[in-house]
């Protein structure tokens, strides 16, 4: 059963405890509010300000589990705080560990400071949870996929268009890498895991995957430099730095280029493209369906 008073109080306290800098927002010269404004939290949670405000005022319908998860992420809650929020809303907390998509506050704080850099947070299956605007400009919106296609390894074998962004000479190695990585993950997670389900789907769908799977390779890695064929700026040679959250099995990927190189200048162009795309998109809370945390 939902604890409306407890939920409202917890949301207010967590909102007031956050500063704009904690979530990657500018402070502004005229800020008088203690903590974040309701409209700022609503935008971070991908819901309307009215819907969020009603929760803080002990009104409105019981939020769904998906909505509660969106609020927990928008407020940068820890796992313990996330679980508490679910219980206040009348739900059982989701599982922790590798299957969880709740990003830790520490990883989010780092990500929020990379607004001018191509970066993304992905799960161990290569499902993109967050992208910076330059990250979207580099590889497209990878958060739009649903079902098995959320995994970039699945898309690699199931959708030929997934390979167009990479130079042809790297594609064979990348195929081996994705197959080997999934095999290693299956050995760790075991039968019945999401990794096992993806492997079963690909064995049915892709002859190339079946051939590579039969080779039983593990430990196949790409070069440190990733080579892209971008439709707007051409070839990009980028280094990818990885920060791993061992508790949630999430990775923060940051893409950089050697200063002074041609790829460096092209990456600066992509940063501008990403900023323009963000400026042209509607605000997250505008017209949002309160039952649909996008």
C-alpha atoms as a PDB file:
ATOM      1  CA  UNK A   1       0.000   0.000   0.000  1.00  0.00           C
ATOM      2  CA  UNK A   2       1.253   3.450  -0.872  1.00  0.00           C
ATOM      3  CA  UNK A   3       2.394   5.696   2.000  1.00  0.00           C
ATOM      4  CA  UNK A   4       1.406   9.049   0.525  1.00  0.00           C
ATOM      5  CA  UNK A   5       2.654  11.173   3.416  1.00  0.00           C
ATOM      6  CA  UNK A   6       5.945   9.314   3.647  1.00  0.00           C
ATOM      7  CA  UNK A   7       6.433   9.419  -0.124  1.00  0.00           C
ATOM      8  CA  UNK A   8       5.736  13.154  -0.282  1.00  0.00           C
ATOM      9  CA  UNK A   9       8.103  13.937   2.583  1.00  0.00           C
ATOM     10  CA  UNK A  10      10.884  11.764   1.184  1.00  0.00           C
ATOM     11  CA  UNK A  11      10.608  13.368  -2.258  1.00  0.00           C
ATOM     12  CA  UNK A  12      10.708  16.875  -0.778  1.00  0.00           C
ATOM     13  CA  UNK A  13      13.730  16.098   1.386  1.00  0.00           C
ATOM     14  CA  UNK A  14      15.668  14.506  -1.454  1.00  0.00           C
ATOM     15  CA  UNK A  15      14.831  17.374  -3.834  1.00  0.00           C
ATOM     16  CA  UNK A  16      15.891  19.995  -1.297  1.00  0.00           C
ATOM     17  CA  UNK A  17      19.148  18.141  -0.619  1.00  0.00           C
ATOM     18  CA  UNK A  18      20.220  18.301  -4.272  1.00  0.00           C
ATOM     19  CA  UNK A  19      22.034  21.298  -5.726  1.00  0.00           C
ATOM     20  CA  UNK A  20      22.000  22.159  -9.447  1.00  0.00           C
ATOM     21  CA  UNK A  21      25.676  21.232  -9.704  1.00  0.00           C
ATOM     22  CA  UNK A  22      24.882  17.751  -8.395  1.00  0.00           C
ATOM     23  CA  UNK A  23      22.794  16.977 -11.483  1.00  0.00           C
ATOM     24  CA  UNK A  24      24.691  18.934 -14.141  1.00  0.00           C
ATOM     25  CA  UNK A  25      22.430  22.007 -14.129  1.00  0.00           C
ATOM     26  CA  UNK A  26      23.618  25.646 -14.069  1.00  0.00           C
ATOM     27  CA  UNK A  27      22.941  27.469 -10.797  1.00  0.00           C
ATOM     28  CA  UNK A  28      21.981  30.840 -12.281  1.00  0.00           C
ATOM     29  CA  UNK A  29      22.384  34.237 -10.568  1.00  0.00           C
ATOM     30  CA  UNK A  30      18.875  34.543  -9.073  1.00  0.00           C
ATOM     31  CA  UNK A  31      18.385  31.147  -7.469  1.00  0.00           C
ATOM     32  CA  UNK A  32      16.741  31.374  -4.053  1.00  0.00           C
ATOM     33  CA  UNK A  33      15.249  27.889  -3.819  1.00  0.00           C
ATOM     34  CA  UNK A  34      16.814  25.498  -1.320  1.00  0.00           C
ATOM     35  CA  UNK A  35      17.873  22.607  -3.517  1.00  0.00           C
ATOM     36  CA  UNK A  36      16.225  21.929  -6.863  1.00  0.00           C
ATOM     37  CA  UNK A  37      12.936  23.350  -8.106  1.00  0.00           C
ATOM     38  CA  UNK A  38      10.053  20.985  -8.740  1.00  0.00           C
ATOM     39  CA  UNK A  39      10.127  21.701 -12.471  1.00  0.00           C
ATOM     40  CA  UNK A  40      13.840  20.807 -12.575  1.00  0.00           C
ATOM     41  CA  UNK A  41      13.248  17.474 -10.867  1.00  0.00           C
ATOM     42  CA  UNK A  42      10.284  16.781 -13.146  1.00  0.00           C
ATOM     43  CA  UNK A  43      12.457  17.366 -16.213  1.00  0.00           C
ATOM     44  CA  UNK A  44      15.180  15.093 -14.817  1.00  0.00           C
ATOM     45  CA  UNK A  45      12.530  12.398 -14.233  1.00  0.00           C
ATOM     46  CA  UNK A  46      10.948  12.860 -17.695  1.00  0.00           C
ATOM     47  CA  UNK A  47       7.484  13.714 -16.401  1.00  0.00           C
ATOM     48  CA  UNK A  48       5.227  16.755 -16.162  1.00  0.00           C
ATOM     49  CA  UNK A  49       5.759  19.253 -13.365  1.00  0.00           C
ATOM     50  CA  UNK A  50       2.095  18.885 -12.409  1.00  0.00           C
ATOM     51  CA  UNK A  51       2.417  15.125 -11.952  1.00  0.00           C
ATOM     52  CA  UNK A  52       5.558  15.422  -9.810  1.00  0.00           C
ATOM     53  CA  UNK A  53       4.053  18.269  -7.753  1.00  0.00           C
ATOM     54  CA  UNK A  54       0.979  16.184  -6.949  1.00  0.00           C
ATOM     55  CA  UNK A  55       3.198  13.454  -5.506  1.00  0.00           C
ATOM     56  CA  UNK A  56       4.860  15.954  -3.182  1.00  0.00           C
ATOM     57  CA  UNK A  57       1.401  17.165  -2.142  1.00  0.00           C
ATOM     58  CA  UNK A  58       0.111  13.654  -1.336  1.00  0.00           C
ATOM     59  CA  UNK A  59      -2.213  13.670  -4.331  1.00  0.00           C
ATOM     60  CA  UNK A  60      -2.625  11.886  -7.630  1.00  0.00           C
ATOM     61  CA  UNK A  61      -2.646   8.173  -8.551  1.00  0.00           C
ATOM     62  CA  UNK A  62      -0.201   5.606  -7.262  1.00  0.00           C
ATOM     63  CA  UNK A  63       2.936   5.880  -9.443  1.00  0.00           C
ATOM     64  CA  UNK A  64       3.834   2.783 -11.444  1.00  0.00           C
ATOM     65  CA  UNK A  65       7.043   0.862 -10.824  1.00  0.00           C
ATOM     66  CA  UNK A  66       8.460   2.323 -14.030  1.00  0.00           C
ATOM     67  CA  UNK A  67       7.609   5.833 -12.883  1.00  0.00           C
ATOM     68  CA  UNK A  68       9.170   5.250  -9.464  1.00  0.00           C
ATOM     69  CA  UNK A  69      12.348   3.985 -11.147  1.00  0.00           C
ATOM     70  CA  UNK A  70      12.454   7.142 -13.257  1.00  0.00           C
ATOM     71  CA  UNK A  71      12.053   9.329 -10.161  1.00  0.00           C
ATOM     72  CA  UNK A  72      14.787   7.419  -8.331  1.00  0.00           C
ATOM     73  CA  UNK A  73      17.163   7.984 -11.225  1.00  0.00           C
ATOM     74  CA  UNK A  74      16.228  11.632 -11.658  1.00  0.00           C
ATOM     75  CA  UNK A  75      16.857  12.319  -7.961  1.00  0.00           C
ATOM     76  CA  UNK A  76      20.220  10.511  -8.127  1.00  0.00           C
ATOM     77  CA  UNK A  77      19.222   8.119  -5.342  1.00  0.00           C
ATOM     78  CA  UNK A  78      21.479   5.436  -3.945  1.00  0.00           C
ATOM     79  CA  UNK A  79      20.316   1.832  -4.151  1.00  0.00           C
ATOM     80  CA  UNK A  80      19.111   1.913  -0.540  1.00  0.00           C
ATOM     81  CA  UNK A  81      17.199   5.136  -1.229  1.00  0.00           C
ATOM     82  CA  UNK A  82      15.773   3.700  -4.434  1.00  0.00           C
ATOM     83  CA  UNK A  83      14.498   0.638  -2.584  1.00  0.00           C
ATOM     84  CA  UNK A  84      12.975   2.852   0.126  1.00  0.00           C
ATOM     85  CA  UNK A  85      11.202   4.948  -2.516  1.00  0.00           C
ATOM     86  CA  UNK A  86       9.672   1.840  -4.102  1.00  0.00           C
ATOM     87  CA  UNK A  87       8.348   0.662  -0.736  1.00  0.00           C
ATOM     88  CA  UNK A  88       6.845   4.075   0.056  1.00  0.00           C
ATOM     89  CA  UNK A  89       5.090   3.953  -3.333  1.00  0.00           C
ATOM     90  CA  UNK A  90       3.649   0.515  -2.518  1.00  0.00           C
ATOM     91  CA  UNK A  91       5.965  -1.606  -4.692  1.00  0.00           C
ATOM     92  CA  UNK A  92       8.605  -4.243  -4.084  1.00  0.00           C
ATOM     93  CA  UNK A  93      12.100  -2.948  -4.903  1.00  0.00           C
ATOM     94  CA  UNK A  94      13.564  -4.250  -8.164  1.00  0.00           C
ATOM     95  CA  UNK A  95      16.520  -6.649  -7.994  1.00  0.00           C
ATOM     96  CA  UNK A  96      20.043  -5.393  -7.564  1.00  0.00           C
ATOM     97  CA  UNK A  97      23.153  -6.493  -9.412  1.00  0.00           C
ATOM     98  CA  UNK A  98      23.911  -7.028 -13.081  1.00  0.00           C
ATOM     99  CA  UNK A  99      20.279  -6.892 -14.204  1.00  0.00           C
ATOM    100  CA  UNK A 100      19.649  -3.525 -12.543  1.00  0.00           C
ATOM    101  CA  UNK A 101      19.508  -0.420 -14.721  1.00  0.00           C
ATOM    102  CA  UNK A 102      19.666   2.036 -11.821  1.00  0.00           C
ATOM    103  CA  UNK A 103      22.805   4.110 -12.338  1.00  0.00           C
ATOM    104  CA  UNK A 104      24.792   4.919  -9.193  1.00  0.00           C
ATOM    105  CA  UNK A 105      24.878   8.590  -8.091  1.00  0.00           C
ATOM    106  CA  UNK A 106      28.676   8.663  -8.342  1.00  0.00           C
ATOM    107  CA  UNK A 107      28.673   7.499 -11.951  1.00  0.00           C
ATOM    108  CA  UNK A 108      25.911   9.976 -12.778  1.00  0.00           C
ATOM    109  CA  UNK A 109      27.869  12.853 -11.228  1.00  0.00           C
ATOM    110  CA  UNK A 110      30.798  12.106 -13.502  1.00  0.00           C
ATOM    111  CA  UNK A 111      28.531  11.696 -16.518  1.00  0.00           C
ATOM    112  CA  UNK A 112      26.766  15.003 -15.828  1.00  0.00           C
ATOM    113  CA  UNK A 113      30.094  16.812 -16.138  1.00  0.00           C
ATOM    114  CA  UNK A 114      30.781  15.456 -19.621  1.00  0.00           C
ATOM    115  CA  UNK A 115      28.159  17.483 -21.485  1.00  0.00           C
ATOM    116  CA  UNK A 116      30.702  18.643 -24.098  1.00  0.00           C
ATOM    117  CA  UNK A 117      32.194  15.172 -24.675  1.00  0.00           C
ATOM    118  CA  UNK A 118      30.859  12.059 -26.430  1.00  0.00           C
ATOM    119  CA  UNK A 119      30.059   9.687 -23.569  1.00  0.00           C
ATOM    120  CA  UNK A 120      27.534   7.022 -22.651  1.00  0.00           C
ATOM    121  CA  UNK A 121      26.629   4.685 -19.815  1.00  0.00           C
ATOM    122  CA  UNK A 122      25.987   1.088 -20.880  1.00  0.00           C
ATOM    123  CA  UNK A 123      25.082  -2.200 -19.215  1.00  0.00           C
ATOM    124  CA  UNK A 124      27.200  -5.330 -19.457  1.00  0.00           C
ATOM    125  CA  UNK A 125      25.060  -6.380 -22.435  1.00  0.00           C
ATOM    126  CA  UNK A 126      25.827  -3.139 -24.257  1.00  0.00           C
ATOM    127  CA  UNK A 127      22.446  -1.507 -23.596  1.00  0.00           C
ATOM    128  CA  UNK A 128      22.800   2.266 -23.591  1.00  0.00           C
ATOM    129  CA  UNK A 129      21.213   3.890 -20.535  1.00  0.00           C
ATOM    130  CA  UNK A 130      22.448   7.472 -20.974  1.00  0.00           C
ATOM    131  CA  UNK A 131      24.197   9.496 -23.695  1.00  0.00           C
ATOM    132  CA  UNK A 132      25.560  13.015 -23.762  1.00  0.00           C
ATOM    133  CA  UNK A 133      24.413  15.212 -26.700  1.00  0.00           C
ATOM    134  CA  UNK A 134      27.807  14.787 -28.448  1.00  0.00           C
ATOM    135  CA  UNK A 135      27.444  11.040 -27.861  1.00  0.00           C
ATOM    136  CA  UNK A 136      24.134  11.082 -29.703  1.00  0.00           C
ATOM    137  CA  UNK A 137      25.724  13.153 -32.478  1.00  0.00           C
ATOM    138  CA  UNK A 138      28.476  10.525 -32.792  1.00  0.00           C
ATOM    139  CA  UNK A 139      26.504   7.262 -32.908  1.00  0.00           C
ATOM    140  CA  UNK A 140      22.837   8.294 -32.929  1.00  0.00           C
ATOM    141  CA  UNK A 141      20.276   7.851 -30.164  1.00  0.00           C
ATOM    142  CA  UNK A 142      21.081   4.388 -28.849  1.00  0.00           C
ATOM    143  CA  UNK A 143      18.517   4.657 -26.034  1.00  0.00           C
ATOM    144  CA  UNK A 144      15.563   4.428 -28.458  1.00  0.00           C
ATOM    145  CA  UNK A 145      15.778   0.661 -28.973  1.00  0.00           C
ATOM    146  CA  UNK A 146      13.510  -1.841 -27.250  1.00  0.00           C
ATOM    147  CA  UNK A 147      13.667  -5.576 -26.600  1.00  0.00           C
ATOM    148  CA  UNK A 148      16.799  -7.524 -27.630  1.00  0.00           C
ATOM    149  CA  UNK A 149      17.786  -4.694 -30.000  1.00  0.00           C
ATOM    150  CA  UNK A 150      18.777  -2.632 -26.972  1.00  0.00           C
ATOM    151  CA  UNK A 151      22.001  -4.685 -26.950  1.00  0.00           C
ATOM    152  CA  UNK A 152      24.565  -3.369 -29.403  1.00  0.00           C
ATOM    153  CA  UNK A 153      25.945  -6.884 -29.803  1.00  0.00           C
ATOM    154  CA  UNK A 154      22.529  -8.129 -30.852  1.00  0.00           C
ATOM    155  CA  UNK A 155      22.117  -5.255 -33.308  1.00  0.00           C
ATOM    156  CA  UNK A 156      25.530  -5.984 -34.763  1.00  0.00           C
ATOM    157  CA  UNK A 157      24.428  -9.405 -35.981  1.00  0.00           C
ATOM    158  CA  UNK A 158      20.713  -8.775 -36.496  1.00  0.00           C
ATOM    159  CA  UNK A 159      20.761  -5.408 -38.268  1.00  0.00           C
ATOM    160  CA  UNK A 160      23.230  -4.798 -41.137  1.00  0.00           C
ATOM    161  CA  UNK A 161      22.808  -1.033 -40.700  1.00  0.00           C
ATOM    162  CA  UNK A 162      24.543  -1.288 -37.310  1.00  0.00           C
ATOM    163  CA  UNK A 163      27.881  -1.813 -39.074  1.00  0.00           C
ATOM    164  CA  UNK A 164      27.747   1.204 -41.356  1.00  0.00           C
ATOM    165  CA  UNK A 165      29.244   3.500 -38.722  1.00  0.00           C
ATOM    166  CA  UNK A 166      32.504   1.525 -38.587  1.00  0.00           C
ATOM    167  CA  UNK A 167      35.336   1.194 -41.106  1.00  0.00           C
ATOM    168  CA  UNK A 168      35.075  -2.055 -43.124  1.00  0.00           C
ATOM    169  CA  UNK A 169      38.501  -3.349 -42.087  1.00  0.00           C
ATOM    170  CA  UNK A 170      37.443  -3.462 -38.404  1.00  0.00           C
ATOM    171  CA  UNK A 171      34.139  -5.274 -38.836  1.00  0.00           C
ATOM    172  CA  UNK A 172      35.369  -8.880 -38.830  1.00  0.00           C
ATOM    173  CA  UNK A 173      37.274  -8.319 -35.581  1.00  0.00           C
ATOM    174  CA  UNK A 174      34.258  -6.619 -34.027  1.00  0.00           C
ATOM    175  CA  UNK A 175      32.091  -9.623 -34.890  1.00  0.00           C
ATOM    176  CA  UNK A 176      34.554 -11.909 -33.113  1.00  0.00           C
ATOM    177  CA  UNK A 177      34.692  -9.510 -30.175  1.00  0.00           C
ATOM    178  CA  UNK A 178      30.915  -9.412 -29.697  1.00  0.00           C
ATOM    179  CA  UNK A 179      30.577 -13.197 -29.934  1.00  0.00           C
ATOM    180  CA  UNK A 180      33.487 -13.786 -27.551  1.00  0.00           C
ATOM    181  CA  UNK A 181      32.217 -11.195 -25.084  1.00  0.00           C
ATOM    182  CA  UNK A 182      28.754 -12.735 -24.980  1.00  0.00           C
ATOM    183  CA  UNK A 183      30.226 -16.200 -24.455  1.00  0.00           C
ATOM    184  CA  UNK A 184      32.289 -14.960 -21.507  1.00  0.00           C
ATOM    185  CA  UNK A 185      29.288 -13.194 -20.007  1.00  0.00           C
ATOM    186  CA  UNK A 186      27.141 -16.312 -20.390  1.00  0.00           C
ATOM    187  CA  UNK A 187      29.739 -18.320 -18.474  1.00  0.00           C
ATOM    188  CA  UNK A 188      29.545 -15.784 -15.630  1.00  0.00           C
ATOM    189  CA  UNK A 189      25.744 -15.343 -15.539  1.00  0.00           C
ATOM    190  CA  UNK A 190      24.774 -18.906 -16.417  1.00  0.00           C
ATOM    191  CA  UNK A 191      21.778 -20.583 -18.094  1.00  0.00           C
ATOM    192  CA  UNK A 192      18.530 -18.659 -17.839  1.00  0.00           C
ATOM    193  CA  UNK A 193      20.326 -15.320 -17.805  1.00  0.00           C
ATOM    194  CA  UNK A 194      19.675 -12.456 -20.209  1.00  0.00           C
ATOM    195  CA  UNK A 195      23.035 -13.245 -21.811  1.00  0.00           C
ATOM    196  CA  UNK A 196      21.855 -16.811 -22.462  1.00  0.00           C
ATOM    197  CA  UNK A 197      18.620 -15.510 -23.978  1.00  0.00           C
ATOM    198  CA  UNK A 198      20.510 -13.200 -26.358  1.00  0.00           C
ATOM    199  CA  UNK A 199      22.800 -16.039 -27.412  1.00  0.00           C
ATOM    200  CA  UNK A 200      19.787 -18.249 -28.171  1.00  0.00           C
ATOM    201  CA  UNK A 201      18.182 -15.526 -30.267  1.00  0.00           C
ATOM    202  CA  UNK A 202      21.335 -14.894 -32.263  1.00  0.00           C
ATOM    203  CA  UNK A 203      22.000 -18.591 -32.826  1.00  0.00           C
ATOM    204  CA  UNK A 204      18.568 -18.781 -34.450  1.00  0.00           C
ATOM    205  CA  UNK A 205      18.942 -15.600 -36.475  1.00  0.00           C
ATOM    206  CA  UNK A 206      22.551 -15.185 -37.627  1.00  0.00           C
ATOM    207  CA  UNK A 207      24.670 -17.686 -39.537  1.00  0.00           C
ATOM    208  CA  UNK A 208      27.756 -15.551 -38.905  1.00  0.00           C
ATOM    209  CA  UNK A 209      27.086 -15.652 -35.169  1.00  0.00           C
ATOM    210  CA  UNK A 210      26.625 -19.436 -35.254  1.00  0.00           C
ATOM    211  CA  UNK A 211      30.006 -19.830 -36.952  1.00  0.00           C
ATOM    212  CA  UNK A 212      31.775 -17.567 -34.470  1.00  0.00           C
ATOM    213  CA  UNK A 213      29.987 -19.160 -31.510  1.00  0.00           C
ATOM    214  CA  UNK A 214      31.211 -22.574 -32.605  1.00  0.00           C
ATOM    215  CA  UNK A 215      34.807 -21.271 -32.563  1.00  0.00           C
ATOM    216  CA  UNK A 216      34.427 -20.795 -28.772  1.00  0.00           C
ATOM    217  CA  UNK A 217      36.719 -17.768 -28.656  1.00  0.00           C
ATOM    218  CA  UNK A 218      37.072 -15.646 -25.519  1.00  0.00           C
ATOM    219  CA  UNK A 219      39.216 -12.625 -24.693  1.00  0.00           C
ATOM    220  CA  UNK A 220      38.966 -10.999 -28.123  1.00  0.00           C
ATOM    221  CA  UNK A 221      39.560  -7.249 -27.860  1.00  0.00           C
ATOM    222  CA  UNK A 222      39.637  -4.341 -30.272  1.00  0.00           C
ATOM    223  CA  UNK A 223      42.482  -1.889 -30.648  1.00  0.00           C
ATOM    224  CA  UNK A 224      42.443   1.072 -28.276  1.00  0.00           C
ATOM    225  CA  UNK A 225      41.447   3.326 -31.171  1.00  0.00           C
ATOM    226  CA  UNK A 226      37.912   3.036 -32.528  1.00  0.00           C
ATOM    227  CA  UNK A 227      37.499   4.037 -36.176  1.00  0.00           C
ATOM    228  CA  UNK A 228      34.162   5.510 -37.212  1.00  0.00           C
ATOM    229  CA  UNK A 229      32.707   6.523 -40.576  1.00  0.00           C
ATOM    230  CA  UNK A 230      30.412   9.361 -39.595  1.00  0.00           C
ATOM    231  CA  UNK A 231      27.827  10.430 -42.200  1.00  0.00           C
ATOM    232  CA  UNK A 232      28.460  14.154 -41.571  1.00  0.00           C
ATOM    233  CA  UNK A 233      32.137  14.546 -40.696  1.00  0.00           C
ATOM    234  CA  UNK A 234      33.723  11.429 -42.241  1.00  0.00           C
ATOM    235  CA  UNK A 235      36.320   9.235 -40.593  1.00  0.00           C
ATOM    236  CA  UNK A 236      37.017   9.628 -36.879  1.00  0.00           C
ATOM    237  CA  UNK A 237      39.789   7.867 -34.967  1.00  0.00           C
ATOM    238  CA  UNK A 238      38.806   7.993 -31.291  1.00  0.00           C
ATOM    239  CA  UNK A 239      40.162   6.528 -28.090  1.00  0.00           C
ATOM    240  CA  UNK A 240      37.618   5.085 -25.674  1.00  0.00           C
ATOM    241  CA  UNK A 241      38.260   5.333 -21.932  1.00  0.00           C
ATOM    242  CA  UNK A 242      36.141   3.109 -19.685  1.00  0.00           C
ATOM    243  CA  UNK A 243      35.104   3.530 -16.061  1.00  0.00           C
ATOM    244  CA  UNK A 244      33.422   0.463 -14.533  1.00  0.00           C
ATOM    245  CA  UNK A 245      30.906   0.382 -11.685  1.00  0.00           C
ATOM    246  CA  UNK A 246      31.514  -3.128 -10.294  1.00  0.00           C
ATOM    247  CA  UNK A 247      28.352  -3.188  -8.170  1.00  0.00           C
ATOM    248  CA  UNK A 248      25.925  -2.476 -11.015  1.00  0.00           C
ATOM    249  CA  UNK A 249      28.005  -3.875 -13.921  1.00  0.00           C
ATOM    250  CA  UNK A 250      27.663  -0.537 -15.697  1.00  0.00           C
ATOM    251  CA  UNK A 251      30.362   1.138 -17.772  1.00  0.00           C
ATOM    252  CA  UNK A 252      30.918   4.804 -18.515  1.00  0.00           C
ATOM    253  CA  UNK A 253      32.490   5.134 -21.981  1.00  0.00           C
ATOM    254  CA  UNK A 254      34.210   8.415 -22.880  1.00  0.00           C
ATOM    255  CA  UNK A 255      35.422   9.081 -26.432  1.00  0.00           C
ATOM    256  CA  UNK A 256      38.342  11.425 -27.077  1.00  0.00           C
ATOM    257  CA  UNK A 257      40.706  12.329 -29.918  1.00  0.00           C
ATOM    258  CA  UNK A 258      44.381  13.316 -29.927  1.00  0.00           C
ATOM    259  CA  UNK A 259      44.585  17.143 -29.623  1.00  0.00           C
ATOM    260  CA  UNK A 260      45.562  18.799 -32.886  1.00  0.00           C
ATOM    261  CA  UNK A 261      44.568  15.816 -35.005  1.00  0.00           C
ATOM    262  CA  UNK A 262      41.994  15.875 -37.792  1.00  0.00           C
ATOM    263  CA  UNK A 263      39.702  13.712 -35.668  1.00  0.00           C
ATOM    264  CA  UNK A 264      40.014  16.233 -32.829  1.00  0.00           C
ATOM    265  CA  UNK A 265      38.665  19.023 -35.034  1.00  0.00           C
ATOM    266  CA  UNK A 266      35.875  16.800 -36.329  1.00  0.00           C
ATOM    267  CA  UNK A 267      34.951  15.859 -32.779  1.00  0.00           C
ATOM    268  CA  UNK A 268      34.628  19.559 -31.940  1.00  0.00           C
ATOM    269  CA  UNK A 269      32.230  19.877 -34.867  1.00  0.00           C
ATOM    270  CA  UNK A 270      30.162  17.004 -33.492  1.00  0.00           C
ATOM    271  CA  UNK A 271      30.013  18.725 -30.121  1.00  0.00           C
ATOM    272  CA  UNK A 272      28.426  21.741 -31.833  1.00  0.00           C
ATOM    273  CA  UNK A 273      26.006  19.456 -33.680  1.00  0.00           C
ATOM    274  CA  UNK A 274      25.047  17.814 -30.403  1.00  0.00           C
ATOM    275  CA  UNK A 275      24.471  21.170 -28.708  1.00  0.00           C
ATOM    276  CA  UNK A 276      22.292  22.361 -31.589  1.00  0.00           C
ATOM    277  CA  UNK A 277      20.218  19.173 -31.501  1.00  0.00           C
ATOM    278  CA  UNK A 278      19.680  19.608 -27.752  1.00  0.00           C
ATOM    279  CA  UNK A 279      18.625  23.240 -28.204  1.00  0.00           C
ATOM    280  CA  UNK A 280      16.107  22.312 -30.908  1.00  0.00           C
ATOM    281  CA  UNK A 281      14.512  19.461 -28.952  1.00  0.00           C
ATOM    282  CA  UNK A 282      11.490  20.171 -26.716  1.00  0.00           C
ATOM    283  CA  UNK A 283      12.002  20.253 -22.929  1.00  0.00           C
ATOM    284  CA  UNK A 284      11.665  16.889 -21.234  1.00  0.00           C
ATOM    285  CA  UNK A 285       8.641  17.936 -19.221  1.00  0.00           C
ATOM    286  CA  UNK A 286       6.747  19.754 -21.931  1.00  0.00           C
ATOM    287  CA  UNK A 287       3.667  17.785 -22.924  1.00  0.00           C
ATOM    288  CA  UNK A 288       5.000  14.668 -21.207  1.00  0.00           C
ATOM    289  CA  UNK A 289       2.538  11.927 -20.465  1.00  0.00           C
ATOM    290  CA  UNK A 290       2.764  11.486 -16.671  1.00  0.00           C
ATOM    291  CA  UNK A 291       2.342   7.741 -17.119  1.00  0.00           C
ATOM    292  CA  UNK A 292       5.119   7.448 -19.673  1.00  0.00           C
ATOM    293  CA  UNK A 293       8.654   8.237 -18.359  1.00  0.00           C
ATOM    294  CA  UNK A 294      10.344   8.316 -21.769  1.00  0.00           C
END
